[in-house]
């Protein structure tokens, strides 16, 4: 509505110019000139709303094409014909004359060229407003995305470095030093690698292979403190490994399984992580063999945890092209399905 009002108010200068121009044809009759200016500016304003809708549907292309130019010429011609029909009809009513007589007294060619030119100006202004609006929206989304990525990194870092996590991890490592020094050393290296990955500020989007390596280290560290650690079953299509996705995407899905298993006091024997590419989409699924959760799925995905943050990031990056669904039937485990475009998205179009 606010955008439509802007288009309407933009025709105030046309009313003034048209009135002044018409004075030369009305022998200085201000009332008649003003009436003509009002009628034609009203027509321009009404048609301007249609042009605004048209430019929203037929968006400005990244590269100008013959198809776009021809479409604008056709739209301009239709615009001019509608203008002429409305102006002649309005003139016949005001002057109380036959439509054919009004048509004969009207310079159709001059009206056509004038209205065609006005269409060009209107379309140019509408496209400029839309492009500016899109740039502002992208800037806001970019700022929000940077904030969410930062928050996600901090949340993931806290989840791995909070006192409880570190105490259990270090306690498990200390017990391994005498029994299996090689495994203990590897655990320390894994924790260091995880810290570097989380704190890395560049590369908002990474490959699935990078996420797999990070998540595998996370699982190995979590399993150090478990008497019966779950088997991690990776079923990744070769093509999917090079697909791009936001950094810290897979690990929150697995972390959520470990966390809910602890809260529900259930034992997980197996975690399956599957990924493949279909129709240009990366399909990622993480599920376990635990008892599921007693919490409503809506509370999990709409809360303040990692899944909620991940869903917001996906929406900012991919819009409606990405989806995240949670399934947790009682006594049938916990599952998260994720679908995002395989190729990196440069920007969202308005």
C-alpha atoms as a PDB file:
ATOM      1  CA  UNK A   1       0.000   0.000   0.000  1.00  0.00           C
ATOM      2  CA  UNK A   2       2.809   2.424   0.860  1.00  0.00           C
ATOM      3  CA  UNK A   3       4.529   1.672  -2.463  1.00  0.00           C
ATOM      4  CA  UNK A   4       1.244   2.308  -4.297  1.00  0.00           C
ATOM      5  CA  UNK A   5       0.859   5.687  -2.561  1.00  0.00           C
ATOM      6  CA  UNK A   6       4.355   6.638  -3.660  1.00  0.00           C
ATOM      7  CA  UNK A   7       3.379   5.935  -7.258  1.00  0.00           C
ATOM      8  CA  UNK A   8       0.215   8.025  -6.893  1.00  0.00           C
ATOM      9  CA  UNK A   9       1.994  11.006  -5.331  1.00  0.00           C
ATOM     10  CA  UNK A  10       4.655  10.865  -8.023  1.00  0.00           C
ATOM     11  CA  UNK A  11       2.098  12.190 -10.521  1.00  0.00           C
ATOM     12  CA  UNK A  12       1.587  15.539  -8.773  1.00  0.00           C
ATOM     13  CA  UNK A  13       4.308  17.214 -10.903  1.00  0.00           C
ATOM     14  CA  UNK A  14       2.576  15.880 -14.043  1.00  0.00           C
ATOM     15  CA  UNK A  15      -0.672  17.539 -12.998  1.00  0.00           C
ATOM     16  CA  UNK A  16       1.104  20.881 -12.654  1.00  0.00           C
ATOM     17  CA  UNK A  17       3.014  20.552 -15.944  1.00  0.00           C
ATOM     18  CA  UNK A  18      -0.029  19.336 -17.880  1.00  0.00           C
ATOM     19  CA  UNK A  19      -2.140  22.201 -16.522  1.00  0.00           C
ATOM     20  CA  UNK A  20       0.458  24.799 -17.492  1.00  0.00           C
ATOM     21  CA  UNK A  21       0.894  23.253 -20.922  1.00  0.00           C
ATOM     22  CA  UNK A  22      -2.875  23.131 -21.552  1.00  0.00           C
ATOM     23  CA  UNK A  23      -3.275  26.837 -20.700  1.00  0.00           C
ATOM     24  CA  UNK A  24      -1.883  27.710 -24.139  1.00  0.00           C
ATOM     25  CA  UNK A  25      -4.773  25.805 -25.769  1.00  0.00           C
ATOM     26  CA  UNK A  26      -7.558  27.130 -23.521  1.00  0.00           C
ATOM     27  CA  UNK A  27      -6.871  30.848 -23.936  1.00  0.00           C
ATOM     28  CA  UNK A  28      -5.774  31.108 -20.319  1.00  0.00           C
ATOM     29  CA  UNK A  29      -8.830  29.339 -18.880  1.00  0.00           C
ATOM     30  CA  UNK A  30      -7.280  28.015 -15.681  1.00  0.00           C
ATOM     31  CA  UNK A  31     -10.331  25.950 -14.694  1.00  0.00           C
ATOM     32  CA  UNK A  32     -10.420  24.118 -18.022  1.00  0.00           C
ATOM     33  CA  UNK A  33      -6.669  23.580 -17.999  1.00  0.00           C
ATOM     34  CA  UNK A  34      -6.768  22.308 -14.429  1.00  0.00           C
ATOM     35  CA  UNK A  35      -9.600  19.925 -15.310  1.00  0.00           C
ATOM     36  CA  UNK A  36      -7.555  18.547 -18.206  1.00  0.00           C
ATOM     37  CA  UNK A  37      -4.496  18.240 -15.986  1.00  0.00           C
ATOM     38  CA  UNK A  38      -6.508  16.480 -13.285  1.00  0.00           C
ATOM     39  CA  UNK A  39      -8.075  14.003 -15.712  1.00  0.00           C
ATOM     40  CA  UNK A  40      -4.827  13.089 -17.421  1.00  0.00           C
ATOM     41  CA  UNK A  41      -2.768  12.921 -14.234  1.00  0.00           C
ATOM     42  CA  UNK A  42      -5.502  10.728 -12.689  1.00  0.00           C
ATOM     43  CA  UNK A  43      -5.306   8.439 -15.716  1.00  0.00           C
ATOM     44  CA  UNK A  44      -1.525   8.341 -15.415  1.00  0.00           C
ATOM     45  CA  UNK A  45      -1.765   7.589 -11.684  1.00  0.00           C
ATOM     46  CA  UNK A  46      -4.287   4.786 -12.184  1.00  0.00           C
ATOM     47  CA  UNK A  47      -2.270   3.249 -15.009  1.00  0.00           C
ATOM     48  CA  UNK A  48       0.867   3.801 -12.937  1.00  0.00           C
ATOM     49  CA  UNK A  49      -0.449   1.261 -10.440  1.00  0.00           C
ATOM     50  CA  UNK A  50      -0.754  -1.262 -13.258  1.00  0.00           C
ATOM     51  CA  UNK A  51       2.785  -0.452 -14.388  1.00  0.00           C
ATOM     52  CA  UNK A  52       3.994  -0.985 -10.805  1.00  0.00           C
ATOM     53  CA  UNK A  53       2.376  -4.433 -10.780  1.00  0.00           C
ATOM     54  CA  UNK A  54       3.773  -5.178 -14.224  1.00  0.00           C
ATOM     55  CA  UNK A  55       7.349  -4.319 -13.239  1.00  0.00           C
ATOM     56  CA  UNK A  56       6.984  -6.561 -10.195  1.00  0.00           C
ATOM     57  CA  UNK A  57       5.879  -9.483 -12.335  1.00  0.00           C
ATOM     58  CA  UNK A  58       8.192  -8.859 -15.314  1.00  0.00           C
ATOM     59  CA  UNK A  59      11.354  -8.068 -13.358  1.00  0.00           C
ATOM     60  CA  UNK A  60      14.420  -6.237 -14.619  1.00  0.00           C
ATOM     61  CA  UNK A  61      16.871  -8.825 -15.992  1.00  0.00           C
ATOM     62  CA  UNK A  62      20.534  -9.064 -15.088  1.00  0.00           C
ATOM     63  CA  UNK A  63      21.349  -8.666 -18.785  1.00  0.00           C
ATOM     64  CA  UNK A  64      19.098  -6.768 -21.170  1.00  0.00           C
ATOM     65  CA  UNK A  65      17.594  -9.000 -23.845  1.00  0.00           C
ATOM     66  CA  UNK A  66      15.547  -8.496 -27.003  1.00  0.00           C
ATOM     67  CA  UNK A  67      12.650 -10.253 -25.306  1.00  0.00           C
ATOM     68  CA  UNK A  68      12.647  -7.688 -22.480  1.00  0.00           C
ATOM     69  CA  UNK A  69      12.806  -4.719 -24.881  1.00  0.00           C
ATOM     70  CA  UNK A  70       9.986  -6.078 -27.060  1.00  0.00           C
ATOM     71  CA  UNK A  71       7.866  -6.740 -23.976  1.00  0.00           C
ATOM     72  CA  UNK A  72       8.312  -3.111 -22.889  1.00  0.00           C
ATOM     73  CA  UNK A  73       7.371  -1.828 -26.350  1.00  0.00           C
ATOM     74  CA  UNK A  74       4.203  -3.930 -26.383  1.00  0.00           C
ATOM     75  CA  UNK A  75       3.355  -2.861 -22.825  1.00  0.00           C
ATOM     76  CA  UNK A  76       3.927   0.786 -23.756  1.00  0.00           C
ATOM     77  CA  UNK A  77       1.637   0.494 -26.781  1.00  0.00           C
ATOM     78  CA  UNK A  78      -1.114  -1.116 -24.696  1.00  0.00           C
ATOM     79  CA  UNK A  79      -0.638   1.564 -22.049  1.00  0.00           C
ATOM     80  CA  UNK A  80      -1.005   4.304 -24.692  1.00  0.00           C
ATOM     81  CA  UNK A  81      -4.139   2.762 -26.210  1.00  0.00           C
ATOM     82  CA  UNK A  82      -5.784   2.425 -22.792  1.00  0.00           C
ATOM     83  CA  UNK A  83      -4.864   6.044 -22.018  1.00  0.00           C
ATOM     84  CA  UNK A  84      -6.401   7.286 -25.286  1.00  0.00           C
ATOM     85  CA  UNK A  85      -9.627   5.320 -24.787  1.00  0.00           C
ATOM     86  CA  UNK A  86     -10.061   6.583 -21.216  1.00  0.00           C
ATOM     87  CA  UNK A  87      -9.218  10.189 -22.055  1.00  0.00           C
ATOM     88  CA  UNK A  88     -11.607  10.263 -25.042  1.00  0.00           C
ATOM     89  CA  UNK A  89     -14.374   8.693 -22.959  1.00  0.00           C
ATOM     90  CA  UNK A  90     -13.827  11.157 -20.131  1.00  0.00           C
ATOM     91  CA  UNK A  91     -13.699  14.077 -22.579  1.00  0.00           C
ATOM     92  CA  UNK A  92     -16.982  13.094 -24.203  1.00  0.00           C
ATOM     93  CA  UNK A  93     -18.702  12.970 -20.811  1.00  0.00           C
ATOM     94  CA  UNK A  94     -17.322  16.314 -19.649  1.00  0.00           C
ATOM     95  CA  UNK A  95     -17.988  18.107 -22.953  1.00  0.00           C
ATOM     96  CA  UNK A  96     -21.316  16.277 -23.397  1.00  0.00           C
ATOM     97  CA  UNK A  97     -20.486  15.267 -26.968  1.00  0.00           C
ATOM     98  CA  UNK A  98     -20.538  12.012 -28.914  1.00  0.00           C
ATOM     99  CA  UNK A  99     -17.515   9.748 -28.462  1.00  0.00           C
ATOM    100  CA  UNK A 100     -16.841   9.788 -32.210  1.00  0.00           C
ATOM    101  CA  UNK A 101     -16.890  13.575 -32.222  1.00  0.00           C
ATOM    102  CA  UNK A 102     -14.505  13.675 -29.284  1.00  0.00           C
ATOM    103  CA  UNK A 103     -12.275  11.198 -31.100  1.00  0.00           C
ATOM    104  CA  UNK A 104     -12.260  13.396 -34.212  1.00  0.00           C
ATOM    105  CA  UNK A 105     -11.269  16.430 -32.134  1.00  0.00           C
ATOM    106  CA  UNK A 106      -8.435  14.585 -30.422  1.00  0.00           C
ATOM    107  CA  UNK A 107      -4.923  14.377 -31.823  1.00  0.00           C
ATOM    108  CA  UNK A 108      -4.577  10.600 -31.443  1.00  0.00           C
ATOM    109  CA  UNK A 109      -1.002  10.365 -32.719  1.00  0.00           C
ATOM    110  CA  UNK A 110       0.146  13.108 -30.320  1.00  0.00           C
ATOM    111  CA  UNK A 111      -1.668  11.446 -27.412  1.00  0.00           C
ATOM    112  CA  UNK A 112      -0.189   8.063 -28.328  1.00  0.00           C
ATOM    113  CA  UNK A 113       3.394   9.342 -28.418  1.00  0.00           C
ATOM    114  CA  UNK A 114       2.915  11.340 -25.224  1.00  0.00           C
ATOM    115  CA  UNK A 115       1.389   8.458 -23.286  1.00  0.00           C
ATOM    116  CA  UNK A 116       3.992   6.033 -24.653  1.00  0.00           C
ATOM    117  CA  UNK A 117       6.715   8.379 -23.416  1.00  0.00           C
ATOM    118  CA  UNK A 118       4.990   8.637 -20.027  1.00  0.00           C
ATOM    119  CA  UNK A 119       4.877   4.837 -19.842  1.00  0.00           C
ATOM    120  CA  UNK A 120       8.627   4.731 -20.401  1.00  0.00           C
ATOM    121  CA  UNK A 121       9.218   7.228 -17.595  1.00  0.00           C
ATOM    122  CA  UNK A 122       6.819   5.410 -15.279  1.00  0.00           C
ATOM    123  CA  UNK A 123       8.360   1.995 -15.937  1.00  0.00           C
ATOM    124  CA  UNK A 124      11.869   3.403 -15.438  1.00  0.00           C
ATOM    125  CA  UNK A 125      10.905   4.923 -12.077  1.00  0.00           C
ATOM    126  CA  UNK A 126       9.161   1.721 -10.967  1.00  0.00           C
ATOM    127  CA  UNK A 127      12.135  -0.443 -11.904  1.00  0.00           C
ATOM    128  CA  UNK A 128      14.500   1.962 -10.144  1.00  0.00           C
ATOM    129  CA  UNK A 129      12.377   1.854  -6.970  1.00  0.00           C
ATOM    130  CA  UNK A 130      12.201  -1.947  -7.072  1.00  0.00           C
ATOM    131  CA  UNK A 131      15.945  -2.343  -7.625  1.00  0.00           C
ATOM    132  CA  UNK A 132      16.666   0.037  -4.747  1.00  0.00           C
ATOM    133  CA  UNK A 133      14.186  -1.812  -2.537  1.00  0.00           C
ATOM    134  CA  UNK A 134      15.773  -5.150  -3.417  1.00  0.00           C
ATOM    135  CA  UNK A 135      19.259  -3.838  -2.629  1.00  0.00           C
ATOM    136  CA  UNK A 136      18.107  -2.572   0.756  1.00  0.00           C
ATOM    137  CA  UNK A 137      16.404  -5.899   1.539  1.00  0.00           C
ATOM    138  CA  UNK A 138      19.529  -7.820   0.529  1.00  0.00           C
ATOM    139  CA  UNK A 139      21.658  -5.572   2.718  1.00  0.00           C
ATOM    140  CA  UNK A 140      19.350  -6.166   5.686  1.00  0.00           C
ATOM    141  CA  UNK A 141      19.350  -9.906   5.025  1.00  0.00           C
ATOM    142  CA  UNK A 142      23.134  -9.890   4.728  1.00  0.00           C
ATOM    143  CA  UNK A 143      23.487  -8.113   8.075  1.00  0.00           C
ATOM    144  CA  UNK A 144      21.014 -10.487   9.710  1.00  0.00           C
ATOM    145  CA  UNK A 145      22.816 -13.461   8.203  1.00  0.00           C
ATOM    146  CA  UNK A 146      26.187 -12.298   9.505  1.00  0.00           C
ATOM    147  CA  UNK A 147      24.682 -11.888  12.962  1.00  0.00           C
ATOM    148  CA  UNK A 148      23.040 -15.316  12.874  1.00  0.00           C
ATOM    149  CA  UNK A 149      26.219 -16.982  11.600  1.00  0.00           C
ATOM    150  CA  UNK A 150      28.125 -15.338  14.432  1.00  0.00           C
ATOM    151  CA  UNK A 151      25.491 -16.434  16.955  1.00  0.00           C
ATOM    152  CA  UNK A 152      25.528 -19.957  15.550  1.00  0.00           C
ATOM    153  CA  UNK A 153      29.305 -20.117  15.845  1.00  0.00           C
ATOM    154  CA  UNK A 154      29.184 -18.906  19.420  1.00  0.00           C
ATOM    155  CA  UNK A 155      26.391 -21.325  20.334  1.00  0.00           C
ATOM    156  CA  UNK A 156      28.268 -24.215  18.786  1.00  0.00           C
ATOM    157  CA  UNK A 157      31.464 -23.157  20.552  1.00  0.00           C
ATOM    158  CA  UNK A 158      29.694 -22.961  23.916  1.00  0.00           C
ATOM    159  CA  UNK A 159      28.128 -26.391  23.334  1.00  0.00           C
ATOM    160  CA  UNK A 160      31.593 -27.854  22.833  1.00  0.00           C
ATOM    161  CA  UNK A 161      33.550 -25.827  25.379  1.00  0.00           C
ATOM    162  CA  UNK A 162      31.101 -25.491  28.247  1.00  0.00           C
ATOM    163  CA  UNK A 163      32.475 -26.796  31.568  1.00  0.00           C
ATOM    164  CA  UNK A 164      30.379 -29.975  31.516  1.00  0.00           C
ATOM    165  CA  UNK A 165      31.485 -30.897  28.006  1.00  0.00           C
ATOM    166  CA  UNK A 166      35.137 -30.081  28.629  1.00  0.00           C
ATOM    167  CA  UNK A 167      35.169 -31.862  31.999  1.00  0.00           C
ATOM    168  CA  UNK A 168      33.837 -35.084  30.515  1.00  0.00           C
ATOM    169  CA  UNK A 169      36.037 -34.869  27.433  1.00  0.00           C
ATOM    170  CA  UNK A 170      39.210 -34.191  29.431  1.00  0.00           C
ATOM    171  CA  UNK A 171      38.286 -36.860  31.980  1.00  0.00           C
ATOM    172  CA  UNK A 172      37.834 -39.387  29.184  1.00  0.00           C
ATOM    173  CA  UNK A 173      41.137 -38.327  27.606  1.00  0.00           C
ATOM    174  CA  UNK A 174      43.007 -38.633  30.905  1.00  0.00           C
ATOM    175  CA  UNK A 175      41.712 -42.177  31.253  1.00  0.00           C
ATOM    176  CA  UNK A 176      42.913 -42.991  27.763  1.00  0.00           C
ATOM    177  CA  UNK A 177      46.461 -41.711  28.222  1.00  0.00           C
ATOM    178  CA  UNK A 178      47.609 -44.830  30.093  1.00  0.00           C
ATOM    179  CA  UNK A 179      45.516 -47.259  28.041  1.00  0.00           C
ATOM    180  CA  UNK A 180      45.663 -45.797  24.553  1.00  0.00           C
ATOM    181  CA  UNK A 181      47.978 -42.811  24.226  1.00  0.00           C
ATOM    182  CA  UNK A 182      47.502 -42.650  20.478  1.00  0.00           C
ATOM    183  CA  UNK A 183      43.723 -42.320  20.799  1.00  0.00           C
ATOM    184  CA  UNK A 184      44.097 -39.734  23.575  1.00  0.00           C
ATOM    185  CA  UNK A 185      46.413 -37.657  21.405  1.00  0.00           C
ATOM    186  CA  UNK A 186      43.949 -37.898  18.523  1.00  0.00           C
ATOM    187  CA  UNK A 187      41.122 -36.716  20.809  1.00  0.00           C
ATOM    188  CA  UNK A 188      43.122 -33.632  21.806  1.00  0.00           C
ATOM    189  CA  UNK A 189      43.827 -32.880  18.130  1.00  0.00           C
ATOM    190  CA  UNK A 190      40.136 -33.304  17.287  1.00  0.00           C
ATOM    191  CA  UNK A 191      39.108 -30.758  19.921  1.00  0.00           C
ATOM    192  CA  UNK A 192      41.694 -28.305  18.570  1.00  0.00           C
ATOM    193  CA  UNK A 193      40.476 -28.801  15.008  1.00  0.00           C
ATOM    194  CA  UNK A 194      36.876 -28.211  16.092  1.00  0.00           C
ATOM    195  CA  UNK A 195      37.823 -24.962  17.814  1.00  0.00           C
ATOM    196  CA  UNK A 196      39.614 -23.710  14.699  1.00  0.00           C
ATOM    197  CA  UNK A 197      36.668 -24.632  12.475  1.00  0.00           C
ATOM    198  CA  UNK A 198      34.132 -22.881  14.717  1.00  0.00           C
ATOM    199  CA  UNK A 199      36.237 -19.744  15.145  1.00  0.00           C
ATOM    200  CA  UNK A 200      37.013 -19.452  11.422  1.00  0.00           C
ATOM    201  CA  UNK A 201      35.386 -16.195  10.283  1.00  0.00           C
ATOM    202  CA  UNK A 202      35.612 -16.657   6.506  1.00  0.00           C
ATOM    203  CA  UNK A 203      33.668 -19.023   4.276  1.00  0.00           C
ATOM    204  CA  UNK A 204      30.043 -18.703   5.334  1.00  0.00           C
ATOM    205  CA  UNK A 205      29.353 -21.517   2.855  1.00  0.00           C
ATOM    206  CA  UNK A 206      31.491 -24.666   2.790  1.00  0.00           C
ATOM    207  CA  UNK A 207      31.330 -28.058   1.121  1.00  0.00           C
ATOM    208  CA  UNK A 208      29.493 -30.979   2.671  1.00  0.00           C
ATOM    209  CA  UNK A 209      32.854 -32.774   2.862  1.00  0.00           C
ATOM    210  CA  UNK A 210      34.118 -30.051   5.246  1.00  0.00           C
ATOM    211  CA  UNK A 211      30.995 -30.367   7.375  1.00  0.00           C
ATOM    212  CA  UNK A 212      31.386 -34.147   7.449  1.00  0.00           C
ATOM    213  CA  UNK A 213      34.963 -33.894   8.710  1.00  0.00           C
ATOM    214  CA  UNK A 214      33.975 -31.447  11.453  1.00  0.00           C
ATOM    215  CA  UNK A 215      30.913 -33.449  12.510  1.00  0.00           C
ATOM    216  CA  UNK A 216      32.893 -36.688  12.566  1.00  0.00           C
ATOM    217  CA  UNK A 217      35.354 -35.156  15.035  1.00  0.00           C
ATOM    218  CA  UNK A 218      32.441 -33.897  17.137  1.00  0.00           C
ATOM    219  CA  UNK A 219      30.911 -37.379  17.276  1.00  0.00           C
ATOM    220  CA  UNK A 220      34.253 -38.935  18.159  1.00  0.00           C
ATOM    221  CA  UNK A 221      34.674 -36.476  21.032  1.00  0.00           C
ATOM    222  CA  UNK A 222      31.126 -37.017  22.302  1.00  0.00           C
ATOM    223  CA  UNK A 223      31.564 -40.789  22.163  1.00  0.00           C
ATOM    224  CA  UNK A 224      34.603 -40.649  24.462  1.00  0.00           C
ATOM    225  CA  UNK A 225      32.347 -40.271  27.488  1.00  0.00           C
ATOM    226  CA  UNK A 226      29.816 -42.923  26.503  1.00  0.00           C
ATOM    227  CA  UNK A 227      30.073 -46.540  27.626  1.00  0.00           C
ATOM    228  CA  UNK A 228      28.172 -47.689  24.543  1.00  0.00           C
ATOM    229  CA  UNK A 229      28.785 -45.065  21.858  1.00  0.00           C
ATOM    230  CA  UNK A 230      26.476 -45.128  18.841  1.00  0.00           C
ATOM    231  CA  UNK A 231      27.697 -46.279  15.474  1.00  0.00           C
ATOM    232  CA  UNK A 232      27.920 -43.383  13.022  1.00  0.00           C
ATOM    233  CA  UNK A 233      26.782 -44.523   9.603  1.00  0.00           C
ATOM    234  CA  UNK A 234      27.687 -42.099   6.832  1.00  0.00           C
ATOM    235  CA  UNK A 235      25.813 -42.709   3.577  1.00  0.00           C
ATOM    236  CA  UNK A 236      26.942 -39.844   1.367  1.00  0.00           C
ATOM    237  CA  UNK A 237      26.580 -39.766  -2.390  1.00  0.00           C
ATOM    238  CA  UNK A 238      29.848 -38.810  -4.091  1.00  0.00           C
ATOM    239  CA  UNK A 239      28.251 -35.868  -5.910  1.00  0.00           C
ATOM    240  CA  UNK A 240      26.816 -34.557  -2.641  1.00  0.00           C
ATOM    241  CA  UNK A 241      30.228 -34.205  -0.984  1.00  0.00           C
ATOM    242  CA  UNK A 242      31.060 -31.120  -3.067  1.00  0.00           C
ATOM    243  CA  UNK A 243      27.657 -29.493  -2.634  1.00  0.00           C
ATOM    244  CA  UNK A 244      27.779 -26.155  -0.797  1.00  0.00           C
ATOM    245  CA  UNK A 245      25.863 -25.464   2.380  1.00  0.00           C
ATOM    246  CA  UNK A 246      26.114 -23.011   5.286  1.00  0.00           C
ATOM    247  CA  UNK A 247      28.927 -23.681   7.708  1.00  0.00           C
ATOM    248  CA  UNK A 248      27.756 -25.402  10.924  1.00  0.00           C
ATOM    249  CA  UNK A 249      24.760 -27.112   9.337  1.00  0.00           C
ATOM    250  CA  UNK A 250      25.306 -30.837   9.877  1.00  0.00           C
ATOM    251  CA  UNK A 251      26.792 -30.673  13.391  1.00  0.00           C
ATOM    252  CA  UNK A 252      23.722 -29.007  15.001  1.00  0.00           C
ATOM    253  CA  UNK A 253      21.558 -31.823  13.613  1.00  0.00           C
ATOM    254  CA  UNK A 254      23.771 -34.467  15.221  1.00  0.00           C
ATOM    255  CA  UNK A 255      24.236 -32.442  18.404  1.00  0.00           C
ATOM    256  CA  UNK A 256      20.456 -32.258  18.740  1.00  0.00           C
ATOM    257  CA  UNK A 257      20.291 -36.072  18.718  1.00  0.00           C
ATOM    258  CA  UNK A 258      22.924 -36.413  21.449  1.00  0.00           C
ATOM    259  CA  UNK A 259      21.236 -33.737  23.555  1.00  0.00           C
ATOM    260  CA  UNK A 260      17.746 -35.217  23.330  1.00  0.00           C
ATOM    261  CA  UNK A 261      19.068 -38.702  23.972  1.00  0.00           C
ATOM    262  CA  UNK A 262      20.630 -37.407  27.194  1.00  0.00           C
ATOM    263  CA  UNK A 263      17.472 -35.513  28.230  1.00  0.00           C
ATOM    264  CA  UNK A 264      15.200 -38.475  27.454  1.00  0.00           C
ATOM    265  CA  UNK A 265      17.709 -40.882  29.052  1.00  0.00           C
ATOM    266  CA  UNK A 266      17.559 -43.120  26.011  1.00  0.00           C
ATOM    267  CA  UNK A 267      20.293 -45.218  24.438  1.00  0.00           C
ATOM    268  CA  UNK A 268      21.199 -44.674  20.796  1.00  0.00           C
ATOM    269  CA  UNK A 269      22.895 -47.538  19.023  1.00  0.00           C
ATOM    270  CA  UNK A 270      23.100 -45.995  15.600  1.00  0.00           C
ATOM    271  CA  UNK A 271      23.094 -42.561  13.937  1.00  0.00           C
ATOM    272  CA  UNK A 272      22.572 -42.476  10.188  1.00  0.00           C
ATOM    273  CA  UNK A 273      23.632 -39.463   8.153  1.00  0.00           C
ATOM    274  CA  UNK A 274      22.522 -39.587   4.537  1.00  0.00           C
ATOM    275  CA  UNK A 275      23.033 -37.102   1.712  1.00  0.00           C
ATOM    276  CA  UNK A 276      22.372 -37.190  -1.987  1.00  0.00           C
ATOM    277  CA  UNK A 277      21.581 -34.810  -4.844  1.00  0.00           C
ATOM    278  CA  UNK A 278      18.285 -34.901  -6.734  1.00  0.00           C
ATOM    279  CA  UNK A 279      17.031 -32.359  -9.263  1.00  0.00           C
ATOM    280  CA  UNK A 280      19.656 -29.812  -8.208  1.00  0.00           C
ATOM    281  CA  UNK A 281      18.770 -30.103  -4.506  1.00  0.00           C
ATOM    282  CA  UNK A 282      20.990 -31.387  -1.695  1.00  0.00           C
ATOM    283  CA  UNK A 283      18.899 -33.738   0.439  1.00  0.00           C
ATOM    284  CA  UNK A 284      20.344 -34.331   3.895  1.00  0.00           C
ATOM    285  CA  UNK A 285      18.844 -36.650   6.506  1.00  0.00           C
ATOM    286  CA  UNK A 286      20.032 -37.357  10.065  1.00  0.00           C
ATOM    287  CA  UNK A 287      18.221 -39.933  12.187  1.00  0.00           C
ATOM    288  CA  UNK A 288      18.871 -42.236  15.140  1.00  0.00           C
ATOM    289  CA  UNK A 289      17.523 -45.415  16.736  1.00  0.00           C
ATOM    290  CA  UNK A 290      16.692 -43.847  20.095  1.00  0.00           C
ATOM    291  CA  UNK A 291      13.350 -43.462  21.810  1.00  0.00           C
ATOM    292  CA  UNK A 292      12.555 -40.108  20.234  1.00  0.00           C
ATOM    293  CA  UNK A 293      11.421 -37.145  22.297  1.00  0.00           C
ATOM    294  CA  UNK A 294       8.390 -36.357  24.394  1.00  0.00           C
ATOM    295  CA  UNK A 295       8.522 -32.678  23.454  1.00  0.00           C
ATOM    296  CA  UNK A 296       6.293 -31.362  20.644  1.00  0.00           C
ATOM    297  CA  UNK A 297       8.225 -30.949  17.425  1.00  0.00           C
ATOM    298  CA  UNK A 298       7.096 -27.309  17.212  1.00  0.00           C
ATOM    299  CA  UNK A 299       8.881 -26.530  20.489  1.00  0.00           C
ATOM    300  CA  UNK A 300      12.110 -27.972  19.148  1.00  0.00           C
ATOM    301  CA  UNK A 301      12.137 -26.232  15.795  1.00  0.00           C
ATOM    302  CA  UNK A 302      10.661 -22.891  16.964  1.00  0.00           C
ATOM    303  CA  UNK A 303      12.671 -22.575  20.166  1.00  0.00           C
ATOM    304  CA  UNK A 304      16.044 -20.947  20.761  1.00  0.00           C
ATOM    305  CA  UNK A 305      18.224 -23.968  20.007  1.00  0.00           C
ATOM    306  CA  UNK A 306      20.478 -24.908  17.127  1.00  0.00           C
ATOM    307  CA  UNK A 307      17.678 -26.149  14.854  1.00  0.00           C
ATOM    308  CA  UNK A 308      15.761 -22.880  15.147  1.00  0.00           C
ATOM    309  CA  UNK A 309      18.886 -20.870  14.393  1.00  0.00           C
ATOM    310  CA  UNK A 310      19.713 -23.125  11.459  1.00  0.00           C
ATOM    311  CA  UNK A 311      16.238 -22.745   9.969  1.00  0.00           C
ATOM    312  CA  UNK A 312      16.507 -18.940  10.163  1.00  0.00           C
ATOM    313  CA  UNK A 313      19.887 -18.994   8.429  1.00  0.00           C
ATOM    314  CA  UNK A 314      18.567 -21.227   5.665  1.00  0.00           C
ATOM    315  CA  UNK A 315      15.596 -18.925   5.109  1.00  0.00           C
ATOM    316  CA  UNK A 316      17.872 -15.885   4.827  1.00  0.00           C
ATOM    317  CA  UNK A 317      20.235 -17.577   2.378  1.00  0.00           C
ATOM    318  CA  UNK A 318      17.820 -19.571   0.230  1.00  0.00           C
ATOM    319  CA  UNK A 319      14.372 -18.122   0.944  1.00  0.00           C
ATOM    320  CA  UNK A 320      11.569 -20.607   0.275  1.00  0.00           C
ATOM    321  CA  UNK A 321      13.893 -22.908  -1.686  1.00  0.00           C
ATOM    322  CA  UNK A 322      15.162 -24.562   1.505  1.00  0.00           C
ATOM    323  CA  UNK A 323      13.208 -26.688   3.964  1.00  0.00           C
ATOM    324  CA  UNK A 324      13.848 -28.292   7.342  1.00  0.00           C
ATOM    325  CA  UNK A 325      11.532 -30.898   8.866  1.00  0.00           C
ATOM    326  CA  UNK A 326      11.707 -32.763  12.173  1.00  0.00           C
ATOM    327  CA  UNK A 327      10.185 -36.181  12.786  1.00  0.00           C
ATOM    328  CA  UNK A 328      10.066 -37.915  16.162  1.00  0.00           C
ATOM    329  CA  UNK A 329       7.452 -40.651  16.464  1.00  0.00           C
ATOM    330  CA  UNK A 330       7.448 -42.151  19.947  1.00  0.00           C
ATOM    331  CA  UNK A 331       9.934 -45.051  20.318  1.00  0.00           C
ATOM    332  CA  UNK A 332      11.002 -44.647  16.722  1.00  0.00           C
ATOM    333  CA  UNK A 333      13.975 -42.321  17.058  1.00  0.00           C
ATOM    334  CA  UNK A 334      14.582 -38.731  16.045  1.00  0.00           C
ATOM    335  CA  UNK A 335      14.969 -37.566  12.450  1.00  0.00           C
ATOM    336  CA  UNK A 336      15.710 -34.293  10.689  1.00  0.00           C
ATOM    337  CA  UNK A 337      15.347 -33.838   6.930  1.00  0.00           C
ATOM    338  CA  UNK A 338      17.030 -30.910   5.218  1.00  0.00           C
ATOM    339  CA  UNK A 339      16.695 -29.780   1.601  1.00  0.00           C
ATOM    340  CA  UNK A 340      18.691 -26.906   0.055  1.00  0.00           C
ATOM    341  CA  UNK A 341      19.838 -25.928  -3.467  1.00  0.00           C
ATOM    342  CA  UNK A 342      23.051 -27.686  -4.431  1.00  0.00           C
ATOM    343  CA  UNK A 343      24.655 -24.602  -5.954  1.00  0.00           C
ATOM    344  CA  UNK A 344      25.496 -21.451  -4.054  1.00  0.00           C
ATOM    345  CA  UNK A 345      22.821 -18.738  -4.224  1.00  0.00           C
ATOM    346  CA  UNK A 346      24.222 -15.266  -5.028  1.00  0.00           C
ATOM    347  CA  UNK A 347      21.198 -13.234  -3.974  1.00  0.00           C
ATOM    348  CA  UNK A 348      17.481 -13.363  -3.471  1.00  0.00           C
ATOM    349  CA  UNK A 349      15.367 -11.589  -6.075  1.00  0.00           C
ATOM    350  CA  UNK A 350      12.634  -9.272  -4.888  1.00  0.00           C
END
